[in-house]
Amino acid sequence: HSRPTYFGESSNDTAQQQDVMGFLAANKIEFEECDIAANEANRKWMRENIPEESRPATGNPLPPQIFNEIKYCGNYEAFFDAREDNAVYAFLGLTAPPGSKEAEALAKKAQQ
């Protein structure tokens, strides 16, 4: 099954990075962490695979950036919004596990 890939910088462990990784760990979501500070190939791949409309107007996209395999999920702001909406699993391209707030919200929607 697919799993999220998280691009961050180990040398610059920001509150945003800790927030994303803490959430993934707390919810037992398996993910792969790619350090872009220590690995030029990771940095190049991340930059090349962020869609044009999601790039900043100037400069390079900054971490954290989240993908599912090669599909771009979003940056920290997008993750934050998804979490506020109980939609992180959908954001990550994953199925919400039974019993999660997100699965319950989806079930309620389906009944309407």
C-alpha atoms as a PDB file:
ATOM      1  CA  HIS A   1       0.000   0.000   0.000  1.00  0.00           C
ATOM      2  CA  SER A   2       1.109   3.573  -0.541  1.00  0.00           C
ATOM      3  CA  ARG A   3       2.492   5.622   2.277  1.00  0.00           C
ATOM      4  CA  PRO A   4       3.161   9.326   2.680  1.00  0.00           C
ATOM      5  CA  THR A   5       6.610  10.713   2.050  1.00  0.00           C
ATOM      6  CA  TYR A   6       7.602  13.650   4.162  1.00  0.00           C
ATOM      7  CA  PHE A   7      10.286  16.099   3.034  1.00  0.00           C
ATOM      8  CA  GLY A   8      11.902  18.118   5.812  1.00  0.00           C
ATOM      9  CA  GLU A   9      15.257  19.420   6.982  1.00  0.00           C
ATOM     10  CA  SER A  10      16.951  17.641   9.871  1.00  0.00           C
ATOM     11  CA  SER A  11      19.275  20.604  10.359  1.00  0.00           C
ATOM     12  CA  ASN A  12      16.309  22.949  10.728  1.00  0.00           C
ATOM     13  CA  ASP A  13      13.759  21.056  12.793  1.00  0.00           C
ATOM     14  CA  THR A  14      10.941  23.593  12.905  1.00  0.00           C
ATOM     15  CA  ALA A  15       7.738  23.549  14.933  1.00  0.00           C
ATOM     16  CA  GLN A  16       5.896  22.866  11.645  1.00  0.00           C
ATOM     17  CA  GLN A  17       7.999  19.790  10.958  1.00  0.00           C
ATOM     18  CA  GLN A  18       7.524  18.525  14.517  1.00  0.00           C
ATOM     19  CA  ASP A  19       3.785  19.140  14.197  1.00  0.00           C
ATOM     20  CA  VAL A  20       3.424  17.075  11.009  1.00  0.00           C
ATOM     21  CA  MET A  21       5.645  14.216  12.199  1.00  0.00           C
ATOM     22  CA  GLY A  22       4.039  14.210  15.636  1.00  0.00           C
ATOM     23  CA  PHE A  23       0.580  13.899  14.067  1.00  0.00           C
ATOM     24  CA  LEU A  24       1.668  11.068  11.754  1.00  0.00           C
ATOM     25  CA  ALA A  25       3.317   9.204  14.626  1.00  0.00           C
ATOM     26  CA  ALA A  26       0.386   9.741  17.025  1.00  0.00           C
ATOM     27  CA  ASN A  27      -2.011   8.343  14.435  1.00  0.00           C
ATOM     28  CA  LYS A  28       0.322   5.446  13.602  1.00  0.00           C
ATOM     29  CA  ILE A  29       0.529   6.576   9.966  1.00  0.00           C
ATOM     30  CA  GLU A  30       3.609   5.006   8.429  1.00  0.00           C
ATOM     31  CA  PHE A  31       5.638   7.517   6.491  1.00  0.00           C
ATOM     32  CA  GLU A  32       9.007   7.883   4.881  1.00  0.00           C
ATOM     33  CA  GLU A  33      11.094  10.850   5.918  1.00  0.00           C
ATOM     34  CA  CYS A  34      13.399  12.447   3.345  1.00  0.00           C
ATOM     35  CA  ASP A  35      15.946  14.957   4.557  1.00  0.00           C
ATOM     36  CA  ILE A  36      16.543  17.677   1.967  1.00  0.00           C
ATOM     37  CA  ALA A  37      19.345  19.371   3.928  1.00  0.00           C
ATOM     38  CA  ALA A  38      21.695  16.401   3.843  1.00  0.00           C
ATOM     39  CA  ASN A  39      20.583  14.919   0.528  1.00  0.00           C
ATOM     40  CA  GLU A  40      20.787  16.896  -2.714  1.00  0.00           C
ATOM     41  CA  ALA A  41      18.819  14.219  -4.633  1.00  0.00           C
ATOM     42  CA  ASN A  42      15.895  14.513  -2.178  1.00  0.00           C
ATOM     43  CA  ARG A  43      15.918  18.301  -2.477  1.00  0.00           C
ATOM     44  CA  LYS A  44      16.003  18.141  -6.292  1.00  0.00           C
ATOM     45  CA  TRP A  45      13.198  15.539  -6.426  1.00  0.00           C
ATOM     46  CA  MET A  46      11.004  17.518  -4.034  1.00  0.00           C
ATOM     47  CA  ARG A  47      11.422  20.748  -6.021  1.00  0.00           C
ATOM     48  CA  GLU A  48      10.816  19.065  -9.371  1.00  0.00           C
ATOM     49  CA  ASN A  49       7.659  17.283  -8.235  1.00  0.00           C
ATOM     50  CA  ILE A  50       5.743  20.153  -6.649  1.00  0.00           C
ATOM     51  CA  PRO A  51       3.116  21.265  -9.203  1.00  0.00           C
ATOM     52  CA  GLU A  52       3.570  24.688 -10.776  1.00  0.00           C
ATOM     53  CA  GLU A  53       0.440  26.138  -9.085  1.00  0.00           C
ATOM     54  CA  SER A  54       1.756  25.125  -5.645  1.00  0.00           C
ATOM     55  CA  ARG A  55       5.140  26.785  -5.975  1.00  0.00           C
ATOM     56  CA  PRO A  56       5.977  30.139  -4.402  1.00  0.00           C
ATOM     57  CA  ALA A  57       6.084  33.108  -6.778  1.00  0.00           C
ATOM     58  CA  THR A  58       9.793  33.536  -6.071  1.00  0.00           C
ATOM     59  CA  GLY A  59      12.455  31.196  -4.758  1.00  0.00           C
ATOM     60  CA  ASN A  60      12.133  27.503  -4.043  1.00  0.00           C
ATOM     61  CA  PRO A  61       9.378  25.661  -2.158  1.00  0.00           C
ATOM     62  CA  LEU A  62      10.390  25.253   1.472  1.00  0.00           C
ATOM     63  CA  PRO A  63       9.852  22.191   3.659  1.00  0.00           C
ATOM     64  CA  PRO A  64       7.846  20.651   5.065  1.00  0.00           C
ATOM     65  CA  GLN A  65       6.305  19.259   1.866  1.00  0.00           C
ATOM     66  CA  ILE A  66       4.207  16.093   1.807  1.00  0.00           C
ATOM     67  CA  PHE A  67       3.747  13.589  -0.992  1.00  0.00           C
ATOM     68  CA  ASN A  68       2.095  10.174  -1.279  1.00  0.00           C
ATOM     69  CA  GLU A  69       4.616   8.200  -3.336  1.00  0.00           C
ATOM     70  CA  ILE A  70       4.939  10.609  -6.287  1.00  0.00           C
ATOM     71  CA  LYS A  71       1.607  12.420  -5.855  1.00  0.00           C
ATOM     72  CA  TYR A  72       1.917  15.864  -4.263  1.00  0.00           C
ATOM     73  CA  CYS A  73      -0.309  16.283  -1.188  1.00  0.00           C
ATOM     74  CA  GLY A  74       0.670  19.766  -0.038  1.00  0.00           C
ATOM     75  CA  ASN A  75       2.703  21.931   2.290  1.00  0.00           C
ATOM     76  CA  TYR A  76       2.296  22.664   5.988  1.00  0.00           C
ATOM     77  CA  GLU A  77      -0.604  25.105   5.499  1.00  0.00           C
ATOM     78  CA  ALA A  78      -2.526  22.518   3.482  1.00  0.00           C
ATOM     79  CA  PHE A  79      -1.794  19.861   6.128  1.00  0.00           C
ATOM     80  CA  PHE A  80      -2.930  22.218   8.889  1.00  0.00           C
ATOM     81  CA  ASP A  81      -6.207  22.991   7.084  1.00  0.00           C
ATOM     82  CA  ALA A  82      -6.859  19.291   6.458  1.00  0.00           C
ATOM     83  CA  ARG A  83      -6.283  18.519  10.132  1.00  0.00           C
ATOM     84  CA  GLU A  84      -8.679  21.278  11.197  1.00  0.00           C
ATOM     85  CA  ASP A  85     -11.304  19.743   8.884  1.00  0.00           C
ATOM     86  CA  ASN A  86     -10.689  16.150  10.104  1.00  0.00           C
ATOM     87  CA  ALA A  87      -9.545  15.341   6.568  1.00  0.00           C
ATOM     88  CA  VAL A  88      -5.871  14.433   6.972  1.00  0.00           C
ATOM     89  CA  TYR A  89      -6.262  10.887   5.632  1.00  0.00           C
ATOM     90  CA  ALA A  90      -7.919  12.201   2.466  1.00  0.00           C
ATOM     91  CA  PHE A  91      -5.181  14.857   2.228  1.00  0.00           C
ATOM     92  CA  LEU A  92      -2.547  12.112   2.433  1.00  0.00           C
ATOM     93  CA  GLY A  93      -4.358   9.954  -0.134  1.00  0.00           C
ATOM     94  CA  LEU A  94      -5.110   7.304   2.495  1.00  0.00           C
ATOM     95  CA  THR A  95      -8.304   5.617   3.675  1.00  0.00           C
ATOM     96  CA  ALA A  96      -9.385   6.825   7.110  1.00  0.00           C
ATOM     97  CA  PRO A  97      -9.317   3.906   9.592  1.00  0.00           C
ATOM     98  CA  PRO A  98     -12.615   2.815  11.169  1.00  0.00           C
ATOM     99  CA  GLY A  99     -13.233   4.643  14.428  1.00  0.00           C
ATOM    100  CA  SER A 100     -11.225   7.718  13.459  1.00  0.00           C
ATOM    101  CA  LYS A 101     -12.918  11.136  13.559  1.00  0.00           C
ATOM    102  CA  GLU A 102     -12.461  11.347   9.814  1.00  0.00           C
ATOM    103  CA  ALA A 103     -14.132   7.972   9.128  1.00  0.00           C
ATOM    104  CA  GLU A 104     -17.052   8.960  11.366  1.00  0.00           C
ATOM    105  CA  ALA A 105     -17.420  12.322   9.567  1.00  0.00           C
ATOM    106  CA  LEU A 106     -17.411  10.542   6.185  1.00  0.00           C
ATOM    107  CA  ALA A 107     -20.025   8.043   7.405  1.00  0.00           C
ATOM    108  CA  LYS A 108     -22.266  10.913   8.562  1.00  0.00           C
ATOM    109  CA  LYS A 109     -21.926  12.610   5.164  1.00  0.00           C
ATOM    110  CA  ALA A 110     -22.822   9.370   3.384  1.00  0.00           C
ATOM    111  CA  GLN A 111     -26.027   9.050   5.437  1.00  0.00           C
ATOM    112  CA  GLN A 112     -27.244  12.566   4.550  1.00  0.00           C
END
